[in-house]
Every structure is written in C-alpha cells, then in structure tokens.
Amino acid sequence: MLEEPGKAAGTNVENDTSDQLLPAERHMRIRHLLRERLTIRVAELSEMMGVSEMTIRRDLETLERQGLIERTYGGAVYRQDRTSREEPYEIRFREFPDIRDQIGRKAASLIEPHDTLFLHSGTTALHVLRHLDPDMPVRVYTNNVGAIQEIRGKRAELVLLGGEYRCETHSVEGPLTMETMQELHPKKSFLIPDGISLRDGITTSSFTEAALERAMIQQTRGQVIVLATHGSFGRIADLVVAAIEKVDLLVVDHKLPEEYLRDLKALGIRVLTAD
C-alpha cells in the first residue's frame, strides 16, 4: 500500500479523504486501488478522494485515454497489460488448476443429453469433459487434442477436427480445421478466450485462433458459452474475436468482483459463478 509523507505506516488508503491531492496523485491512487481490487465505483472513489463525482469521472476519462483503465457504467475496471502471445500449454495447465476445475464442473452441468457441442482448445475445456456425466449421450466436436484422454470411459462421442497440430496449444488448426467448422452447427459452444474486456470484447493472441473462435460463434445454433477465470478480465490481446454482447453465457469463478458482475449483467449477459 502506498504511503503519504507524514502518514503512519499501515494507513489504509481507502479510509483517507484526500481533498488536497493533485490530479496526478489521484490518478496514481486510482490505478493502485484498481490494481488491488480490479474494479471500483465512482461514488466510492469520490468519498475516498474527497472530491466530487464529476472530478472522478474526469480522472477516469483521462486514465482511459491513456489506456490504463477501462470505464464502466458506474466506475472503472483495471486494464491489464496487453498480451501479444499465447502462453504455452504447460504454463496454462498449471495456472489456477482448482479454479479451472470449478469452472469446468459448472460448465459441464449445462450439458444435456443428446447435445452437440463445440469444445475449444485450452486446459479449462478439459475440466468440462472431466466432469461430464459418463453415461450422458452427447457429441463433442473439438480441436483440443487433450480431449482424447478425458473422453475415455464416457458414453460421449468425440469428433476431433482435422488440421495441423500445434504443440504450443496442444490442438489442431489451419485451413482444414476451418473447412470442417463451416459444416458444423453445434447446439452449444464453449470458448476459452485469452482476454475479456467490457469495451474490447473477447480477444485472443493468434490469427488462427481468432478465425476459429469467430467461426464457432457464427456456426452455433444455440448458446455461445465463454469460460473464463478472473485473470482473463481486463486483459486485452491483440486480436478482437467478437463484442462481449455476442456471448450468451459467461461462466466465471468466485474471485471476479461483484462490481464487474453487475456491469456484465447490465449488458444483458447471463453470468454463472462457479463455486
């Protein structure tokens, strides 16, 4: 926690009414708070900083123009550093394993007998299959090579799409994958994007992944379901897949702040929280 000159160590910045702060100092405090909490409301910032809500809104406009935050209907959310490359499969496999498992279990509960599904690449998708009812008859289309191991012992039918294998994502992709996608009309699709932003929507780091995810959204005749850990929110990758309004349902973990959930629901997006 940042300390002001003359303040005792351990002073909580959230209890400090700092009406003498210069704009640059307020901006620094707002960024610090958002980095800790991910999201905050205008009214709360106004009370904490000892300035009017109009002043806070101007502060947020300035920070958004600088690409440091993202404004929402009633406040702001933290904007993480842009990501221009995919994380290796092995790293993602080890990141948030318990949270990914919770999300996978919640997502699996949305699957009904005789559904046809498109399951995206990524480790969270494997947790969906792990929690799928072994006696449930469904058909799963996927480019996720890891699905082969997870489908064993289940009644589900697995259709692995053709294409060029990429070890970085443990999946297949390319023209053959896209050609097959154009022939499919699954009832539900489960996407796992690199980043989610209220303003910039669903984003990813790979041209081929972006094209595939757009095809998934376009070809799905039912629900487009996005699975995301709290770490994906506020992260902006280089390539926009779709506006967030294209998502029918978001499955998130319990660490996503309530303010962010409120803003998502204000956009008409249904949100399920895994527990």
Foldseek 3Di string as FASTA:
>chain_A
DDDDPPDDPPDDLLQAQAQPDDLVRLLVVVLVVQVVQQWDFLVSSCRSPVHDSVSQVVSVVVCVVVVQWAAFPGTTGGADDEDQDDAFQVVQLPPPVVFLLLLLLVVLVVDAAAFEEEEEFHDSSLSVLQNHDQEGEYEYEYQAQVNVVSNPSGNYHYDHFDACADNRRNGGWDDSNVVVLVVDAGQEYEAEAQAAEQPLGGAHNDPGVLSVLLSNLVRYPHFYEYEYELVRYSYHYDGRNDHNLSHQEYEYEPSNDPVVVVRCVVSVHHYHYGD
